[in-house]
Amino acid sequence: MNLFSKDKEIILKITNGILLIWFLGALMFTGYNIIEKVVKGPKYTYNEYKLQYCGKYDEIVDYESNCQEMYDRSKLDDKQNDFYSTRSLYTSILNVVIVGGALFLLNKKKETKK
């Protein structure tokens, strides 16, 4: 597959250049999403969370229930972030497939009949 051969018209060369840059960007974005999905942040137990985030709220009257509520919200946020990272990963993979397919089909050699 020769994207920028001399026998191609200038519009095809420009289109190939744009699609190639788009394809490389899509690959980088997909790589970032894979890393984000595989390497996750730390998951805290309730005691670890309490030490990390609730220590400064000792003077609150209802300290234990407030800390438990904050921990529960943190767990829900983790689930939501996981959902959005999965959706972003699928979108970026689809982007790579579509742009790669367009590059392939645009530059596919035409078969000649013998």
Protein backbone atom coordinates (compact mmCIF):
# COMPACT_ATOMS: atom_id res chain seq x y z
CA MET A 1 0.00 0.00 0.00
CA ASN A 2 1.62 3.19 -1.19
CA LEU A 3 -0.14 6.20 0.31
CA PHE A 4 1.83 8.95 -1.42
CA SER A 5 2.96 7.56 -4.78
CA LYS A 6 3.62 9.85 -7.73
CA ASP A 7 0.74 8.47 -9.76
CA LYS A 8 -1.88 9.48 -7.14
CA GLU A 9 -3.77 12.72 -7.51
CA ILE A 10 -3.08 15.55 -5.08
CA ILE A 11 -6.51 15.23 -3.43
CA LEU A 12 -5.81 11.56 -2.64
CA LYS A 13 -2.43 12.46 -1.15
CA ILE A 14 -4.03 15.13 1.05
CA THR A 15 -6.81 12.73 2.09
CA ASN A 16 -4.27 10.02 2.89
CA GLY A 17 -2.23 12.48 4.96
CA ILE A 18 -5.27 13.55 6.97
CA LEU A 19 -6.42 9.96 7.50
CA LEU A 20 -2.93 8.85 8.48
CA ILE A 21 -2.64 11.60 11.12
CA TRP A 22 -6.14 10.78 12.35
CA PHE A 23 -5.26 7.05 12.49
CA LEU A 24 -2.11 7.68 14.53
CA GLY A 25 -4.04 9.91 16.93
CA ALA A 26 -6.73 7.27 17.27
CA LEU A 27 -4.08 4.64 18.06
CA MET A 28 -2.56 6.87 20.73
CA PHE A 29 -5.98 7.57 22.26
CA THR A 30 -6.79 3.85 22.26
CA GLY A 31 -3.48 3.09 23.97
CA TYR A 32 -4.24 5.69 26.63
CA ASN A 33 -7.70 4.18 27.20
CA ILE A 34 -6.26 0.67 27.50
CA ILE A 35 -3.77 1.87 30.11
CA GLU A 36 -6.53 3.73 31.97
CA LYS A 37 -8.68 0.59 31.98
CA VAL A 38 -5.90 -1.80 33.04
CA VAL A 39 -4.04 0.37 35.58
CA LYS A 40 -6.65 1.56 38.03
CA GLY A 41 -6.32 3.72 41.10
CA PRO A 42 -6.14 2.21 44.56
CA LYS A 43 -9.25 0.60 46.03
CA TYR A 44 -9.55 1.50 49.70
CA THR A 45 -11.19 -0.53 52.41
CA TYR A 46 -13.39 1.44 54.76
CA ASN A 47 -10.66 1.65 57.42
CA GLU A 48 -8.08 2.86 54.90
CA TYR A 49 -10.54 5.40 53.53
CA LYS A 50 -11.34 6.61 57.04
CA LEU A 51 -7.65 7.14 57.81
CA GLN A 52 -7.00 8.85 54.48
CA TYR A 53 -10.02 11.14 54.14
CA CYS A 54 -12.03 11.31 57.36
CA GLY A 55 -9.31 12.13 59.88
CA LYS A 56 -9.80 15.89 59.49
CA TYR A 57 -13.51 15.60 60.36
CA ASP A 58 -13.04 14.31 63.92
CA GLU A 59 -14.87 17.29 65.40
CA ILE A 60 -18.10 16.54 63.52
CA VAL A 61 -20.82 15.24 65.83
CA ASP A 62 -21.98 12.43 63.53
CA TYR A 63 -18.46 11.52 62.39
CA GLU A 64 -18.96 7.80 61.69
CA SER A 65 -22.09 8.10 59.55
CA ASN A 66 -20.64 11.02 57.57
CA CYS A 67 -17.48 9.07 56.85
CA GLN A 68 -19.49 5.99 55.84
CA GLU A 69 -21.60 8.12 53.49
CA MET A 70 -18.46 9.62 51.91
CA TYR A 71 -17.03 6.10 51.47
CA ASP A 72 -20.24 4.87 49.81
CA ARG A 73 -20.21 7.83 47.42
CA SER A 74 -16.58 7.09 46.61
CA LYS A 75 -17.51 3.51 45.69
CA LEU A 76 -20.33 4.73 43.44
CA ASP A 77 -17.95 7.18 41.76
CA ASP A 78 -15.53 4.32 41.11
CA LYS A 79 -18.29 2.33 39.39
CA GLN A 80 -19.28 5.32 37.27
CA ASN A 81 -15.67 6.02 36.28
CA ASP A 82 -15.24 2.37 35.31
CA PHE A 83 -18.34 2.54 33.10
CA TYR A 84 -17.13 5.69 31.32
CA SER A 85 -13.61 4.34 30.81
CA THR A 86 -15.05 1.17 29.24
CA ARG A 87 -17.30 3.19 26.95
CA SER A 88 -14.40 5.44 25.95
CA LEU A 89 -12.25 2.39 25.19
CA TYR A 90 -14.92 0.89 22.91
CA THR A 91 -15.37 4.22 21.14
CA SER A 92 -11.65 4.62 20.53
CA ILE A 93 -11.33 1.05 19.20
CA LEU A 94 -14.23 1.71 16.83
CA ASN A 95 -12.49 4.92 15.70
CA VAL A 96 -9.30 2.97 14.89
CA VAL A 97 -11.27 0.36 12.93
CA ILE A 98 -13.23 2.92 10.90
CA VAL A 99 -10.24 5.14 10.03
CA GLY A 100 -8.00 2.12 9.34
CA GLY A 101 -10.68 0.63 7.11
CA ALA A 102 -11.08 3.91 5.25
CA LEU A 103 -7.31 4.09 4.67
CA PHE A 104 -7.25 0.50 3.48
CA LEU A 105 -10.21 0.82 1.13
CA LEU A 106 -9.01 4.14 -0.30
CA ASN A 107 -5.59 2.71 -1.13
CA LYS A 108 -6.53 -0.85 -2.09
CA LYS A 109 -4.97 -1.89 -5.36
CA LYS A 110 -7.48 -2.49 -8.07
CA GLU A 111 -7.48 -6.02 -9.42
CA THR A 112 -6.88 -6.31 -13.14
CA LYS A 113 -8.51 -9.04 -15.18
CA LYS A 114 -6.26 -11.15 -17.36
